[in-house]
Amino acid sequence: MANLTIAVDDELLRRARVRAAKLGTSVNAVLREYMGTWAGQDDRRERAIRSLLRRSARARSGRGGRTWSRDDIHAR
């Protein structure tokens, strides 16, 4: 496992340590979990986009030849 050094305001780190202690964890554990989630988001987003595009390409539905004007779309 690699080590990471970051620069953080002293007061911010103090508050983060207090909050982490209240939650029964550490600032290190919180940051490690957040980074894992954050780093994985791009992968999940890309997979979701590819899945949506594949499903869209296979879809057999359509507009039925209908076109809409701006007024049709916003009619109440």
N, C-alpha and C. Protein backbone atom coordinates (compact mmCIF):
# COMPACT_ATOMS: atom_id res chain seq x y z
N MET A 1 0.86 -1.18 0.00
CA MET A 1 0.00 0.00 0.00
C MET A 1 0.90 1.23 0.00
N ALA A 2 0.57 2.21 -0.83
CA ALA A 2 1.36 3.44 -0.95
C ALA A 2 0.93 4.44 0.12
N ASN A 3 1.86 5.31 0.46
CA ASN A 3 1.57 6.42 1.36
C ASN A 3 1.37 7.69 0.55
N LEU A 4 0.50 8.56 1.02
CA LEU A 4 0.20 9.82 0.35
C LEU A 4 0.32 10.94 1.37
N THR A 5 1.01 12.00 1.01
CA THR A 5 1.13 13.16 1.88
C THR A 5 0.36 14.30 1.26
N ILE A 6 -0.50 14.94 2.05
CA ILE A 6 -1.25 16.09 1.57
C ILE A 6 -1.07 17.24 2.55
N ALA A 7 -1.26 18.44 2.07
CA ALA A 7 -1.20 19.63 2.93
C ALA A 7 -2.63 20.04 3.27
N VAL A 8 -2.91 20.14 4.57
CA VAL A 8 -4.25 20.46 5.05
C VAL A 8 -4.12 21.51 6.14
N ASP A 9 -5.06 22.43 6.15
CA ASP A 9 -5.11 23.44 7.20
C ASP A 9 -5.18 22.75 8.57
N ASP A 10 -4.43 23.26 9.54
CA ASP A 10 -4.37 22.65 10.87
C ASP A 10 -5.75 22.52 11.51
N GLU A 11 -6.55 23.57 11.43
CA GLU A 11 -7.87 23.55 12.06
C GLU A 11 -8.79 22.54 11.36
N LEU A 12 -8.70 22.46 10.05
CA LEU A 12 -9.49 21.49 9.31
C LEU A 12 -9.13 20.06 9.73
N LEU A 13 -7.86 19.78 9.85
CA LEU A 13 -7.42 18.45 10.26
C LEU A 13 -7.88 18.15 11.68
N ARG A 14 -7.81 19.12 12.57
CA ARG A 14 -8.28 18.91 13.94
C ARG A 14 -9.75 18.54 13.96
N ARG A 15 -10.57 19.30 13.21
CA ARG A 15 -12.01 19.02 13.15
C ARG A 15 -12.29 17.66 12.53
N ALA A 16 -11.52 17.32 11.49
CA ALA A 16 -11.69 16.02 10.84
C ALA A 16 -11.35 14.89 11.81
N ARG A 17 -10.30 15.05 12.60
CA ARG A 17 -9.92 14.02 13.58
C ARG A 17 -11.00 13.86 14.64
N VAL A 18 -11.57 14.97 15.10
CA VAL A 18 -12.63 14.91 16.10
C VAL A 18 -13.84 14.17 15.53
N ARG A 19 -14.23 14.53 14.33
CA ARG A 19 -15.40 13.88 13.71
C ARG A 19 -15.14 12.40 13.47
N ALA A 20 -13.96 12.07 12.98
CA ALA A 20 -13.62 10.67 12.74
C ALA A 20 -13.66 9.88 14.05
N ALA A 21 -13.13 10.47 15.13
CA ALA A 21 -13.14 9.79 16.42
C ALA A 21 -14.57 9.54 16.89
N LYS A 22 -15.45 10.51 16.69
CA LYS A 22 -16.85 10.34 17.06
C LYS A 22 -17.50 9.20 16.28
N LEU A 23 -17.04 8.98 15.06
CA LEU A 23 -17.58 7.93 14.21
C LEU A 23 -16.85 6.60 14.39
N GLY A 24 -15.83 6.60 15.26
CA GLY A 24 -15.08 5.37 15.51
C GLY A 24 -14.17 4.98 14.38
N THR A 25 -13.64 5.95 13.68
CA THR A 25 -12.76 5.67 12.55
C THR A 25 -11.59 6.65 12.59
N SER A 26 -10.85 6.73 11.51
CA SER A 26 -9.73 7.66 11.42
C SER A 26 -9.87 8.50 10.16
N VAL A 27 -9.18 9.61 10.15
CA VAL A 27 -9.17 10.46 8.95
C VAL A 27 -8.59 9.67 7.78
N ASN A 28 -7.56 8.89 8.04
CA ASN A 28 -6.94 8.07 7.00
C ASN A 28 -7.95 7.11 6.38
N ALA A 29 -8.74 6.44 7.23
CA ALA A 29 -9.74 5.49 6.73
C ALA A 29 -10.82 6.20 5.92
N VAL A 30 -11.24 7.36 6.38
CA VAL A 30 -12.27 8.13 5.67
C VAL A 30 -11.75 8.53 4.29
N LEU A 31 -10.52 9.05 4.24
CA LEU A 31 -9.96 9.48 2.96
C LEU A 31 -9.74 8.29 2.02
N ARG A 32 -9.28 7.17 2.57
CA ARG A 32 -9.07 5.98 1.75
C ARG A 32 -10.39 5.52 1.12
N GLU A 33 -11.46 5.49 1.92
CA GLU A 33 -12.77 5.09 1.41
C GLU A 33 -13.28 6.08 0.37
N TYR A 34 -13.14 7.37 0.66
CA TYR A 34 -13.60 8.39 -0.29
C TYR A 34 -12.84 8.28 -1.61
N MET A 35 -11.53 8.13 -1.55
CA MET A 35 -10.74 8.04 -2.78
C MET A 35 -11.13 6.81 -3.58
N GLY A 36 -11.42 5.71 -2.90
CA GLY A 36 -11.85 4.52 -3.61
C GLY A 36 -13.15 4.74 -4.35
N THR A 37 -14.07 5.40 -3.69
CA THR A 37 -15.36 5.72 -4.33
C THR A 37 -15.16 6.71 -5.46
N TRP A 38 -14.40 7.75 -5.21
CA TRP A 38 -14.17 8.79 -6.20
C TRP A 38 -13.46 8.25 -7.43
N ALA A 39 -12.44 7.46 -7.23
CA ALA A 39 -11.68 6.91 -8.35
C ALA A 39 -12.51 5.93 -9.16
N GLY A 40 -13.42 5.22 -8.51
CA GLY A 40 -14.24 4.24 -9.21
C GLY A 40 -15.42 4.84 -9.94
N GLN A 41 -15.76 6.08 -9.64
CA GLN A 41 -16.93 6.69 -10.26
C GLN A 41 -16.80 6.80 -11.76
N ASP A 42 -15.63 7.15 -12.26
CA ASP A 42 -15.46 7.28 -13.70
C ASP A 42 -15.69 5.95 -14.40
N ASP A 43 -15.18 4.87 -13.79
CA ASP A 43 -15.38 3.55 -14.39
C ASP A 43 -16.86 3.20 -14.43
N ARG A 44 -17.57 3.41 -13.33
CA ARG A 44 -19.00 3.10 -13.29
C ARG A 44 -19.76 3.96 -14.29
N ARG A 45 -19.41 5.23 -14.37
CA ARG A 45 -20.10 6.14 -15.29
C ARG A 45 -19.88 5.70 -16.72
N GLU A 46 -18.65 5.36 -17.07
CA GLU A 46 -18.34 4.92 -18.43
C GLU A 46 -19.09 3.63 -18.77
N ARG A 47 -19.14 2.69 -17.83
CA ARG A 47 -19.88 1.45 -18.08
C ARG A 47 -21.36 1.73 -18.27
N ALA A 48 -21.90 2.63 -17.46
CA ALA A 48 -23.32 2.97 -17.57
C ALA A 48 -23.62 3.62 -18.92
N ILE A 49 -22.75 4.50 -19.36
CA ILE A 49 -22.95 5.16 -20.66
C ILE A 49 -22.89 4.14 -21.79
N ARG A 50 -21.89 3.26 -21.75
CA ARG A 50 -21.79 2.24 -22.80
C ARG A 50 -23.01 1.33 -22.81
N SER A 51 -23.49 0.96 -21.62
CA SER A 51 -24.68 0.12 -21.52
C SER A 51 -25.90 0.82 -22.10
N LEU A 52 -26.07 2.08 -21.78
CA LEU A 52 -27.19 2.86 -22.30
C LEU A 52 -27.13 2.96 -23.82
N LEU A 53 -25.96 3.21 -24.36
CA LEU A 53 -25.82 3.32 -25.81
C LEU A 53 -26.09 1.97 -26.50
N ARG A 54 -25.64 0.86 -25.89
CA ARG A 54 -25.93 -0.46 -26.47
C ARG A 54 -27.42 -0.73 -26.47
N ARG A 55 -28.07 -0.44 -25.35
CA ARG A 55 -29.52 -0.67 -25.27
C ARG A 55 -30.27 0.22 -26.24
N SER A 56 -29.82 1.45 -26.39
CA SER A 56 -30.47 2.37 -27.31
C SER A 56 -30.34 1.86 -28.75
N ALA A 57 -29.18 1.33 -29.09
CA ALA A 57 -28.97 0.83 -30.45
C ALA A 57 -29.86 -0.39 -30.73
N ARG A 58 -30.14 -1.19 -29.69
CA ARG A 58 -30.97 -2.39 -29.87
C ARG A 58 -32.46 -2.10 -29.77
N ALA A 59 -32.82 -0.95 -29.29
CA ALA A 59 -34.24 -0.64 -29.05
C ALA A 59 -35.02 -0.66 -30.36
N ARG A 60 -36.21 -1.19 -30.29
CA ARG A 60 -37.06 -1.27 -31.48
C ARG A 60 -38.14 -0.20 -31.46
N SER A 61 -38.14 0.59 -30.43
CA SER A 61 -39.16 1.65 -30.34
C SER A 61 -38.75 2.84 -31.20
N GLY A 62 -39.69 3.68 -31.44
CA GLY A 62 -39.43 4.87 -32.24
C GLY A 62 -40.45 5.93 -31.96
N ARG A 63 -40.43 6.95 -32.76
CA ARG A 63 -41.37 8.06 -32.59
C ARG A 63 -42.67 7.83 -33.35
N GLY A 64 -42.72 6.82 -34.17
CA GLY A 64 -43.91 6.57 -34.96
C GLY A 64 -44.12 7.63 -36.04
N GLY A 65 -43.04 8.23 -36.48
CA GLY A 65 -43.14 9.25 -37.52
C GLY A 65 -43.56 10.61 -37.01
N ARG A 66 -43.84 10.72 -35.74
CA ARG A 66 -44.32 11.98 -35.15
C ARG A 66 -43.14 12.92 -34.93
N THR A 67 -43.36 14.17 -35.20
CA THR A 67 -42.40 15.22 -34.85
C THR A 67 -43.12 16.21 -33.94
N TRP A 68 -42.39 16.86 -33.09
CA TRP A 68 -42.97 17.80 -32.15
C TRP A 68 -42.38 19.18 -32.36
N SER A 69 -43.23 20.17 -32.23
CA SER A 69 -42.74 21.55 -32.26
C SER A 69 -42.44 21.96 -30.83
N ARG A 70 -41.79 23.04 -30.65
CA ARG A 70 -41.50 23.57 -29.31
C ARG A 70 -42.81 23.80 -28.56
N ASP A 71 -43.82 24.35 -29.26
CA ASP A 71 -45.11 24.61 -28.61
C ASP A 71 -45.78 23.30 -28.16
N ASP A 72 -45.68 22.23 -29.00
CA ASP A 72 -46.26 20.95 -28.61
C ASP A 72 -45.62 20.42 -27.32
N ILE A 73 -44.32 20.52 -27.25
CA ILE A 73 -43.58 19.99 -26.10
C ILE A 73 -43.94 20.75 -24.82
N HIS A 74 -44.12 22.05 -24.93
CA HIS A 74 -44.36 22.86 -23.75
C HIS A 74 -45.84 23.18 -23.50
N ALA A 75 -46.73 22.56 -24.28
CA ALA A 75 -48.17 22.79 -24.09
C ALA A 75 -48.60 22.22 -22.76
N ARG A 76 -49.51 22.94 -22.09
CA ARG A 76 -49.99 22.46 -20.78
C ARG A 76 -51.42 22.11 -20.86
